[in-house]
N, C-alpha and C. Protein backbone atom coordinates (compact mmCIF):
# COMPACT_ATOMS: atom_id res chain seq x y z
N MET A 1 -195.34 25.42 103.59
CA MET A 1 -196.22 26.34 102.93
C MET A 1 -195.47 26.96 101.75
N GLN A 2 -196.15 27.15 100.64
CA GLN A 2 -195.55 27.78 99.47
C GLN A 2 -195.10 29.20 99.80
N ILE A 3 -193.93 29.56 99.36
CA ILE A 3 -193.39 30.90 99.61
C ILE A 3 -194.38 31.96 99.15
N HIS A 4 -195.02 31.73 98.02
CA HIS A 4 -195.99 32.70 97.49
C HIS A 4 -197.12 33.00 98.47
N LEU A 5 -197.47 32.04 99.30
CA LEU A 5 -198.63 32.18 100.18
C LEU A 5 -198.31 32.77 101.55
N VAL A 6 -197.05 32.92 101.86
CA VAL A 6 -196.64 33.37 103.20
C VAL A 6 -196.54 34.89 103.25
N PRO A 7 -197.34 35.52 104.12
CA PRO A 7 -197.18 36.96 104.28
C PRO A 7 -195.92 37.25 105.11
N PRO A 8 -195.09 38.19 104.68
CA PRO A 8 -193.86 38.48 105.42
C PRO A 8 -194.08 38.87 106.87
N HIS A 9 -195.29 39.34 107.19
CA HIS A 9 -195.60 39.76 108.56
C HIS A 9 -196.25 38.65 109.38
N ALA A 10 -196.26 37.43 108.89
CA ALA A 10 -196.88 36.32 109.63
C ALA A 10 -196.22 36.21 111.00
N PRO A 11 -197.02 36.21 112.07
CA PRO A 11 -196.44 36.19 113.41
C PRO A 11 -195.59 34.95 113.71
N TRP A 12 -195.89 33.84 113.07
CA TRP A 12 -195.15 32.60 113.32
C TRP A 12 -193.76 32.60 112.69
N LEU A 13 -193.43 33.62 111.90
CA LEU A 13 -192.08 33.75 111.36
C LEU A 13 -191.16 34.50 112.33
N SER A 14 -191.74 35.29 113.20
CA SER A 14 -190.97 36.14 114.09
C SER A 14 -190.06 35.33 115.01
N GLY A 15 -188.75 35.57 114.88
CA GLY A 15 -187.77 34.89 115.71
C GLY A 15 -187.65 33.40 115.46
N ALA A 16 -188.19 32.91 114.36
CA ALA A 16 -188.24 31.47 114.08
C ALA A 16 -186.96 30.96 113.43
N ASN A 17 -186.82 29.66 113.43
CA ASN A 17 -185.79 28.96 112.66
C ASN A 17 -186.46 28.52 111.36
N ILE A 18 -186.32 29.33 110.33
CA ILE A 18 -187.03 29.09 109.08
C ILE A 18 -186.29 28.09 108.21
N VAL A 19 -187.04 27.16 107.64
CA VAL A 19 -186.50 26.20 106.67
C VAL A 19 -187.02 26.61 105.30
N LEU A 20 -186.10 26.82 104.38
CA LEU A 20 -186.43 27.17 103.00
C LEU A 20 -186.06 25.96 102.15
N ALA A 21 -187.07 25.24 101.68
CA ALA A 21 -186.82 23.98 100.99
C ALA A 21 -187.26 24.02 99.53
N ALA A 22 -186.46 23.39 98.69
CA ALA A 22 -186.88 23.17 97.31
C ALA A 22 -188.03 22.18 97.35
N ASP A 23 -189.03 22.40 96.53
CA ASP A 23 -190.25 21.61 96.66
C ASP A 23 -190.11 20.13 96.30
N CYS A 24 -189.01 19.72 95.68
CA CYS A 24 -188.81 18.30 95.38
C CYS A 24 -188.16 17.55 96.55
N VAL A 25 -187.58 18.25 97.50
CA VAL A 25 -186.85 17.62 98.59
C VAL A 25 -187.72 16.65 99.41
N PRO A 26 -188.92 17.02 99.84
CA PRO A 26 -189.69 16.08 100.66
C PRO A 26 -190.01 14.76 99.96
N PHE A 27 -189.99 14.75 98.65
CA PHE A 27 -190.24 13.52 97.91
C PHE A 27 -188.99 12.65 97.84
N ALA A 28 -187.82 13.27 97.85
CA ALA A 28 -186.57 12.54 97.73
C ALA A 28 -185.99 12.13 99.08
N TYR A 29 -186.24 12.91 100.11
CA TYR A 29 -185.67 12.64 101.43
C TYR A 29 -186.77 12.14 102.35
N ALA A 30 -186.79 10.85 102.58
CA ALA A 30 -187.88 10.19 103.31
C ALA A 30 -188.06 10.72 104.73
N ASP A 31 -187.00 11.20 105.35
CA ASP A 31 -187.07 11.66 106.73
C ASP A 31 -187.31 13.17 106.84
N PHE A 32 -187.72 13.79 105.75
CA PHE A 32 -187.88 15.25 105.71
C PHE A 32 -188.79 15.77 106.83
N HIS A 33 -189.95 15.16 106.98
CA HIS A 33 -190.92 15.67 107.96
C HIS A 33 -190.37 15.63 109.38
N ARG A 34 -189.81 14.51 109.78
CA ARG A 34 -189.28 14.40 111.14
C ARG A 34 -188.07 15.31 111.32
N ARG A 35 -187.23 15.39 110.33
CA ARG A 35 -185.97 16.12 110.45
C ARG A 35 -186.12 17.63 110.36
N PHE A 36 -187.03 18.11 109.51
CA PHE A 36 -187.09 19.55 109.26
C PHE A 36 -188.37 20.23 109.73
N LEU A 37 -189.48 19.53 109.81
CA LEU A 37 -190.72 20.19 110.26
C LEU A 37 -190.66 20.55 111.74
N GLU A 38 -189.85 19.84 112.50
CA GLU A 38 -189.74 20.12 113.93
C GLU A 38 -188.89 21.35 114.22
N THR A 39 -188.10 21.80 113.25
CA THR A 39 -187.18 22.91 113.53
C THR A 39 -187.85 24.27 113.42
N GLY A 40 -188.89 24.38 112.63
CA GLY A 40 -189.55 25.67 112.47
C GLY A 40 -190.40 25.69 111.22
N PRO A 41 -190.90 26.86 110.86
CA PRO A 41 -191.74 26.95 109.67
C PRO A 41 -190.97 26.55 108.41
N VAL A 42 -191.64 25.80 107.55
CA VAL A 42 -191.04 25.35 106.30
C VAL A 42 -191.69 26.10 105.14
N LEU A 43 -190.86 26.76 104.36
CA LEU A 43 -191.31 27.48 103.18
C LEU A 43 -190.80 26.73 101.96
N ILE A 44 -191.69 26.44 101.02
CA ILE A 44 -191.37 25.60 99.87
C ILE A 44 -191.46 26.41 98.58
N GLY A 45 -190.51 26.15 97.67
CA GLY A 45 -190.55 26.76 96.36
C GLY A 45 -189.59 26.06 95.41
N CYS A 46 -189.67 26.41 94.15
CA CYS A 46 -188.80 25.82 93.14
C CYS A 46 -187.97 26.93 92.50
N PRO A 47 -186.65 26.88 92.68
CA PRO A 47 -185.81 27.94 92.12
C PRO A 47 -185.73 27.90 90.59
N LYS A 48 -186.08 26.77 89.99
CA LYS A 48 -186.03 26.67 88.53
C LYS A 48 -187.33 27.12 87.87
N LEU A 49 -188.45 26.73 88.43
CA LEU A 49 -189.74 26.98 87.79
C LEU A 49 -190.44 28.25 88.27
N ASP A 50 -190.06 28.75 89.43
CA ASP A 50 -190.70 29.94 89.99
C ASP A 50 -189.84 31.17 89.74
N ASP A 51 -190.36 32.33 90.08
CA ASP A 51 -189.69 33.61 89.85
C ASP A 51 -188.68 33.89 90.98
N ALA A 52 -187.40 33.72 90.67
CA ALA A 52 -186.35 33.89 91.67
C ALA A 52 -186.32 35.32 92.23
N LYS A 53 -186.52 36.32 91.39
CA LYS A 53 -186.51 37.71 91.86
C LYS A 53 -187.63 37.94 92.86
N TYR A 54 -188.79 37.38 92.59
CA TYR A 54 -189.91 37.49 93.53
C TYR A 54 -189.53 36.85 94.87
N TYR A 55 -188.93 35.67 94.81
CA TYR A 55 -188.50 34.99 96.05
C TYR A 55 -187.48 35.82 96.81
N ILE A 56 -186.52 36.37 96.10
CA ILE A 56 -185.50 37.20 96.77
C ILE A 56 -186.17 38.37 97.48
N ASP A 57 -187.05 39.06 96.79
CA ASP A 57 -187.73 40.22 97.39
C ASP A 57 -188.57 39.81 98.59
N LYS A 58 -189.30 38.71 98.46
CA LYS A 58 -190.19 38.28 99.54
C LYS A 58 -189.39 37.80 100.75
N ILE A 59 -188.35 37.02 100.54
CA ILE A 59 -187.55 36.52 101.66
C ILE A 59 -186.76 37.66 102.30
N THR A 60 -186.31 38.62 101.50
CA THR A 60 -185.66 39.80 102.06
C THR A 60 -186.61 40.51 103.02
N GLU A 61 -187.85 40.71 102.60
CA GLU A 61 -188.81 41.38 103.46
C GLU A 61 -189.11 40.54 104.71
N MET A 62 -189.23 39.24 104.55
CA MET A 62 -189.48 38.37 105.71
C MET A 62 -188.37 38.51 106.75
N ILE A 63 -187.13 38.51 106.28
CA ILE A 63 -186.01 38.61 107.21
C ILE A 63 -186.02 39.97 107.91
N LYS A 64 -186.27 41.04 107.16
CA LYS A 64 -186.31 42.37 107.76
C LYS A 64 -187.40 42.49 108.81
N VAL A 65 -188.58 41.95 108.51
CA VAL A 65 -189.73 42.09 109.41
C VAL A 65 -189.67 41.09 110.56
N ALA A 66 -189.43 39.82 110.25
CA ALA A 66 -189.54 38.75 111.26
C ALA A 66 -188.27 38.55 112.08
N LYS A 67 -187.14 39.00 111.54
CA LYS A 67 -185.86 38.81 112.22
C LYS A 67 -185.73 37.37 112.77
N PRO A 68 -185.75 36.40 111.86
CA PRO A 68 -185.66 35.01 112.30
C PRO A 68 -184.32 34.69 112.95
N LYS A 69 -184.30 33.66 113.80
CA LYS A 69 -183.05 33.22 114.43
C LYS A 69 -182.11 32.63 113.40
N SER A 70 -182.69 31.86 112.48
CA SER A 70 -181.86 31.20 111.48
C SER A 70 -182.65 30.91 110.21
N LEU A 71 -181.90 30.58 109.16
CA LEU A 71 -182.48 30.19 107.89
C LEU A 71 -181.69 28.98 107.40
N THR A 72 -182.40 27.89 107.16
CA THR A 72 -181.77 26.68 106.63
C THR A 72 -182.34 26.39 105.25
N VAL A 73 -181.46 26.34 104.26
CA VAL A 73 -181.85 25.98 102.91
C VAL A 73 -181.68 24.47 102.77
N VAL A 74 -182.74 23.79 102.35
CA VAL A 74 -182.66 22.36 102.09
C VAL A 74 -182.96 22.17 100.61
N ARG A 75 -181.97 21.62 99.90
CA ARG A 75 -182.10 21.51 98.45
C ARG A 75 -181.53 20.19 97.97
N MET A 76 -181.85 19.88 96.73
CA MET A 76 -181.31 18.69 96.09
C MET A 76 -179.92 19.00 95.54
N GLU A 77 -179.15 17.95 95.24
CA GLU A 77 -177.81 18.13 94.69
C GLU A 77 -177.80 18.55 93.23
N VAL A 78 -178.93 18.49 92.56
CA VAL A 78 -178.99 18.83 91.15
C VAL A 78 -178.74 20.32 90.94
N PRO A 79 -178.14 20.69 89.79
CA PRO A 79 -177.75 22.08 89.57
C PRO A 79 -178.87 23.11 89.72
N CYS A 80 -180.06 22.78 89.26
CA CYS A 80 -181.14 23.77 89.32
C CYS A 80 -181.49 24.15 90.76
N CYS A 81 -181.30 23.25 91.69
CA CYS A 81 -181.62 23.54 93.09
C CYS A 81 -180.61 24.50 93.73
N GLY A 82 -179.44 24.64 93.12
CA GLY A 82 -178.47 25.60 93.65
C GLY A 82 -179.02 27.01 93.67
N GLY A 83 -180.02 27.26 92.86
CA GLY A 83 -180.66 28.57 92.83
C GLY A 83 -181.30 28.93 94.16
N MET A 84 -181.77 27.93 94.92
CA MET A 84 -182.40 28.20 96.22
C MET A 84 -181.37 28.76 97.20
N THR A 85 -180.16 28.24 97.13
CA THR A 85 -179.09 28.76 97.99
C THR A 85 -178.75 30.20 97.59
N GLN A 86 -178.68 30.45 96.31
CA GLN A 86 -178.38 31.80 95.84
C GLN A 86 -179.48 32.78 96.22
N ILE A 87 -180.72 32.35 96.14
CA ILE A 87 -181.85 33.19 96.57
C ILE A 87 -181.70 33.57 98.03
N ALA A 88 -181.40 32.58 98.87
CA ALA A 88 -181.24 32.84 100.30
C ALA A 88 -180.07 33.78 100.57
N ARG A 89 -178.93 33.51 99.94
CA ARG A 89 -177.75 34.37 100.14
C ARG A 89 -178.03 35.81 99.73
N THR A 90 -178.67 35.99 98.59
CA THR A 90 -178.98 37.33 98.11
C THR A 90 -179.95 38.04 99.04
N ALA A 91 -180.98 37.34 99.48
CA ALA A 91 -181.96 37.94 100.39
C ALA A 91 -181.30 38.36 101.70
N ILE A 92 -180.48 37.50 102.25
CA ILE A 92 -179.78 37.83 103.50
C ILE A 92 -178.88 39.05 103.28
N SER A 93 -178.14 39.05 102.19
CA SER A 93 -177.25 40.18 101.87
C SER A 93 -178.03 41.48 101.72
N ASN A 94 -179.19 41.40 101.09
CA ASN A 94 -180.03 42.58 100.89
C ASN A 94 -180.49 43.22 102.19
N THR A 95 -180.61 42.42 103.24
CA THR A 95 -181.13 42.96 104.51
C THR A 95 -180.08 43.68 105.32
N GLY A 96 -178.82 43.26 105.17
CA GLY A 96 -177.77 43.82 106.02
C GLY A 96 -177.86 43.30 107.45
N ILE A 97 -178.70 42.31 107.68
CA ILE A 97 -178.89 41.72 109.00
C ILE A 97 -178.08 40.43 109.08
N GLU A 98 -177.36 40.25 110.17
CA GLU A 98 -176.64 38.99 110.36
C GLU A 98 -177.61 37.94 110.86
N ILE A 99 -177.63 36.83 110.18
CA ILE A 99 -178.53 35.74 110.53
C ILE A 99 -177.76 34.43 110.31
N ALA A 100 -177.92 33.51 111.23
CA ALA A 100 -177.31 32.19 111.06
C ALA A 100 -177.98 31.51 109.86
N ALA A 101 -177.17 31.07 108.91
CA ALA A 101 -177.73 30.44 107.72
C ALA A 101 -176.90 29.24 107.33
N LYS A 102 -177.59 28.17 106.96
CA LYS A 102 -176.88 26.98 106.52
C LYS A 102 -177.61 26.33 105.36
N GLU A 103 -176.92 25.42 104.72
CA GLU A 103 -177.44 24.69 103.57
C GLU A 103 -177.31 23.20 103.85
N VAL A 104 -178.36 22.46 103.54
CA VAL A 104 -178.34 21.01 103.62
C VAL A 104 -178.65 20.50 102.21
N ILE A 105 -177.77 19.67 101.69
CA ILE A 105 -177.94 19.16 100.33
C ILE A 105 -178.32 17.69 100.38
N ILE A 106 -179.41 17.37 99.71
CA ILE A 106 -179.92 16.00 99.64
C ILE A 106 -179.48 15.39 98.31
N GLY A 107 -178.92 14.20 98.37
CA GLY A 107 -178.48 13.50 97.17
C GLY A 107 -179.64 12.88 96.41
N ILE A 108 -179.38 12.52 95.17
CA ILE A 108 -180.45 11.95 94.35
C ILE A 108 -180.88 10.57 94.84
N ARG A 109 -180.11 9.98 95.74
CA ARG A 109 -180.50 8.70 96.34
C ARG A 109 -181.25 8.89 97.67
N GLY A 110 -181.51 10.14 98.02
CA GLY A 110 -182.32 10.43 99.20
C GLY A 110 -181.58 10.51 100.51
N ASP A 111 -180.29 10.80 100.47
CA ASP A 111 -179.50 10.93 101.70
C ASP A 111 -178.92 12.34 101.78
N ILE A 112 -178.55 12.74 102.99
CA ILE A 112 -177.88 14.04 103.17
C ILE A 112 -176.44 13.86 102.73
N ILE A 113 -176.02 14.64 101.75
CA ILE A 113 -174.64 14.51 101.26
C ILE A 113 -173.74 15.67 101.69
N ALA A 114 -174.33 16.77 102.13
CA ALA A 114 -173.51 17.89 102.58
C ALA A 114 -174.31 18.82 103.47
N LYS A 115 -173.59 19.42 104.41
CA LYS A 115 -174.14 20.48 105.26
C LYS A 115 -173.04 21.54 105.35
N ARG A 116 -173.45 22.80 105.18
CA ARG A 116 -172.45 23.86 105.29
C ARG A 116 -173.11 25.18 105.69
N ASN A 117 -172.31 26.03 106.31
CA ASN A 117 -172.77 27.36 106.66
C ASN A 117 -172.77 28.23 105.42
N LEU A 118 -173.73 29.14 105.35
CA LEU A 118 -173.81 30.05 104.21
C LEU A 118 -173.14 31.39 104.51
N ASN A 119 -172.76 31.61 105.74
CA ASN A 119 -172.10 32.89 106.06
C ASN A 119 -170.82 32.66 106.81
């Protein structure tokens, strides 16, 4: 679901393992649906074309209200997608809440090239 469309108080976010994905990832990573849709709610956005400040504010509020178990950023290896990781880091920092967070980077050939913790 597009980040813009998700209300921070949505009950299905509460205690969830949220996936925050750049919107180009499902097109590049063929196994996206099986690999990431099963883990929890998937929120989609573009850190280059969309309003990063809006995303930071919205995700900050989601974390404060829903207190998710974890947040996984799934992004492409291209530089513009690095903004999604920064959005997540800033939102988590803004809350003061400790949350398990990780990043999965998809290569331009459609494979997972890196996984790392964000905290």
